[in-house]
Structure formats: C-alpha cells, structure tokens
Protein backbone atom coordinates (compact mmCIF):
# COMPACT_ATOMS: atom_id res chain seq x y z
CA UNK A 1 204.85 156.39 417.52
CA UNK A 2 206.57 154.81 414.91
CA UNK A 3 203.62 155.54 412.39
CA UNK A 4 203.89 159.52 412.89
CA UNK A 5 207.84 159.73 412.46
CA UNK A 6 207.15 157.43 409.33
CA UNK A 7 204.71 160.40 408.34
CA UNK A 8 206.74 163.40 409.09
CA UNK A 9 209.70 161.97 407.05
CA UNK A 10 207.55 161.22 404.53
CA UNK A 11 206.39 165.01 404.50
CA UNK A 12 209.59 166.25 404.49
CA UNK A 13 209.99 164.20 401.58
CA UNK A 14 207.66 165.76 399.68
CA UNK A 15 208.47 169.08 400.36
CA UNK A 16 211.81 168.87 399.62
CA UNK A 17 211.40 166.24 396.48
CA UNK A 18 214.54 165.19 396.49
CA UNK A 19 215.69 161.78 398.39
CA UNK A 20 217.83 162.73 401.46
CA UNK A 21 219.91 160.05 403.12
CA UNK A 22 217.75 158.46 405.91
CA UNK A 23 214.33 160.58 404.69
CA UNK A 24 212.93 156.95 403.39
CA UNK A 25 211.01 155.80 406.83
CA UNK A 26 211.50 152.48 407.86
CA UNK A 27 208.32 151.37 407.27
CA UNK A 28 208.52 151.75 403.67
CA UNK A 29 206.84 154.15 401.19
CA UNK A 30 204.69 151.24 399.55
CA UNK A 31 200.99 152.86 398.62
CA UNK A 32 198.49 150.34 400.57
CA UNK A 33 195.73 149.41 398.35
CA UNK A 34 191.86 149.11 399.42
CA UNK A 35 190.86 145.75 400.02
CA UNK A 36 188.51 146.02 397.20
CA UNK A 37 190.86 147.42 394.61
CA UNK A 38 191.83 145.26 391.63
CA UNK A 39 195.45 144.83 391.02
CA UNK A 40 195.71 148.44 389.44
CA UNK A 41 193.14 150.64 391.34
CA UNK A 42 193.48 152.62 394.33
CA UNK A 43 197.17 153.08 393.57
CA UNK A 44 198.58 156.57 393.69
CA UNK A 45 199.92 158.16 390.16
CA UNK A 46 203.50 157.95 390.17
CA UNK A 47 203.99 161.16 388.58
CA UNK A 48 205.24 164.36 390.50
CA UNK A 49 202.47 167.16 390.62
CA UNK A 50 203.33 170.55 389.91
CA UNK A 51 204.19 173.24 392.66
CA UNK A 52 201.17 174.86 394.48
CA UNK A 53 202.93 178.01 393.69
CA UNK A 54 203.33 177.61 389.86
CA UNK A 55 199.70 176.57 389.79
CA UNK A 56 198.34 180.04 391.41
CA UNK A 57 200.57 181.97 389.17
CA UNK A 58 199.47 180.20 386.04
CA UNK A 59 195.79 180.60 387.32
CA UNK A 60 196.84 184.33 387.63
CA UNK A 61 197.84 184.56 384.10
CA UNK A 62 195.14 183.07 382.61
CA UNK A 63 191.90 184.99 384.85
CA UNK A 64 193.55 188.69 385.74
CA UNK A 65 190.14 189.93 386.25
CA UNK A 66 189.41 187.77 388.53
CA UNK A 67 192.71 188.84 390.42
CA UNK A 68 192.35 192.31 390.54
CA UNK A 69 189.01 194.21 391.94
CA UNK A 70 188.01 197.59 389.89
CA UNK A 71 189.09 200.87 391.10
CA UNK A 72 186.59 202.54 393.57
CA UNK A 73 185.83 206.50 393.83
CA UNK A 74 188.24 206.73 396.58
CA UNK A 75 191.09 205.95 393.90
CA UNK A 76 189.75 208.24 391.49
CA UNK A 77 189.38 210.98 393.69
CA UNK A 78 193.02 210.54 394.30
CA UNK A 79 194.28 210.74 391.22
CA UNK A 80 192.19 213.52 390.29
CA UNK A 81 193.89 215.60 393.16
CA UNK A 82 197.50 214.84 392.15
CA UNK A 83 198.91 216.86 388.95
CA UNK A 84 201.36 213.34 388.27
CA UNK A 85 198.43 210.82 388.42
CA UNK A 86 195.54 213.56 387.13
CA UNK A 87 195.78 211.73 383.28
CA UNK A 88 194.91 208.65 384.65
CA UNK A 89 191.81 209.96 385.93
CA UNK A 90 191.19 211.73 382.64
CA UNK A 91 191.86 208.45 380.92
CA UNK A 92 188.86 206.98 382.53
CA UNK A 93 186.26 209.70 382.67
CA UNK A 94 187.31 210.23 378.78
CA UNK A 95 186.52 206.54 378.01
CA UNK A 96 182.76 206.82 379.63
CA UNK A 97 182.07 209.89 378.25
CA UNK A 98 183.01 209.12 374.84
CA UNK A 99 181.03 206.13 374.95
CA UNK A 100 177.95 207.26 376.40
CA UNK A 101 177.68 210.77 375.47
CA UNK A 102 174.34 211.92 373.80
CA UNK A 103 172.85 209.23 374.99
CA UNK A 104 173.14 209.12 379.20
CA UNK A 105 173.96 212.61 379.33
CA UNK A 106 174.45 215.46 376.88
CA UNK A 107 177.72 217.59 377.50
CA UNK A 108 177.86 220.84 375.54
CA UNK A 109 180.59 223.25 375.33
CA UNK A 110 183.99 224.36 373.96
CA UNK A 111 186.05 221.74 376.04
CA UNK A 112 184.09 218.68 377.13
CA UNK A 113 186.90 217.15 378.25
CA UNK A 114 187.63 219.69 380.87
CA UNK A 115 184.01 220.33 381.90
CA UNK A 116 183.63 216.38 382.39
CA UNK A 117 186.53 216.34 384.81
CA UNK A 118 185.51 219.29 386.63
CA UNK A 119 181.92 217.82 386.87
CA UNK A 120 183.19 214.19 387.97
CA UNK A 121 185.59 215.98 390.77
CA UNK A 122 182.58 217.92 392.18
CA UNK A 123 180.48 214.94 392.29
CA UNK A 124 182.86 212.92 394.31
CA UNK A 125 184.00 215.88 396.48
CA UNK A 126 180.22 216.35 397.35
CA UNK A 127 179.20 212.91 397.85
CA UNK A 128 182.06 211.15 400.13
CA UNK A 129 179.35 208.29 401.15
CA UNK A 130 179.08 207.06 397.50
CA UNK A 131 183.02 206.71 397.36
CA UNK A 132 183.20 203.04 398.00
CA UNK A 133 181.07 202.05 394.39
CA UNK A 134 183.12 201.44 391.49
CA UNK A 135 185.06 203.88 389.41
CA UNK A 136 183.18 203.80 386.42
CA UNK A 137 179.69 203.81 388.16
CA UNK A 138 180.99 206.99 389.83
CA UNK A 139 182.04 208.61 386.84
CA UNK A 140 178.50 208.10 384.74
CA UNK A 141 176.66 208.87 387.94
CA UNK A 142 178.61 212.75 387.41
CA UNK A 143 178.04 213.09 383.97
CA UNK A 144 174.57 212.05 384.16
CA UNK A 145 173.54 214.58 387.15
CA UNK A 146 175.91 217.40 385.87
CA UNK A 147 174.92 217.39 382.36
CA UNK A 148 171.07 216.08 382.25
CA UNK A 149 170.08 215.33 378.25
CA UNK A 150 166.58 217.27 377.62
CA UNK A 151 164.12 215.17 375.79
C-alpha cells in the first residue's frame, strides 16, 4: 500500500510542477537503475519536459493543413445561399475558374464569374449525393458539366 501512495504523490508532484509540503514520498524519489546499467546509463534526464499542451499548440502552428480538413460541398452550398458569405463562395469558384478555364472547361459569355457561380450552385443543388466531396473537386466538376470544351 505504501508503494501506491508513493506513486500517487509522485504523480501529484509532476502535475503541479512544484514541491509542496508533504508531497515527497517517504520512500524517496531516487530512480532505480537497471542492474546491467553503468554509472550513468538508465537514469532519467533531470531537465523538465515541456507540457503536452504547448507541444500540441506548436504542432498546430507548424502543420496547420494537417489540423484542418478542406470544406465540402455542404459548406460551399451554405456559403452560396447566404448573402453575407456569398463572396467567400465566389472566391473559391473564381480560383478554380481562373486556373482551369480553357483547359478543363470553356466559359464563354459577357460575365463568366456570374455564369460560373450559377453553374456551380445548380450542380450542387441537383447533385445532393455528391456534397460530401471536397469543395474544389465539386467546383471543377460543376464547371466541366456546365461548360464543356468542344474539341
């Protein structure tokens, strides 16, 4: 039973990162060495380890794409339906339109931006079974369907 109390006190001490009165177990805090270890082998490092929250935060800063998934068709359609977020959807559609127009699809007309927006919205509304797919894929599929290039 005494060993359990010593372990509990060690855990408490590590969590608080401060030595509090009576938090040092009576059995001591020395690290036991493996019998085959030499004079310096097998000892735990004496430096303090950074907290887990700080490590996770640093990881999110370094790798933001891994932390956030791309939006799907449901999000894009919601952006398109609301007047306040319509510009966000238009930005996504324009990026694909400018990159792939005249190669994957061919938009002809006076207002290609409006034509592309209307084609994407129509495609999303008529293909609800596809809304789980990534936003960029759906925009390209909608524009390819609405504006095929003639060979």
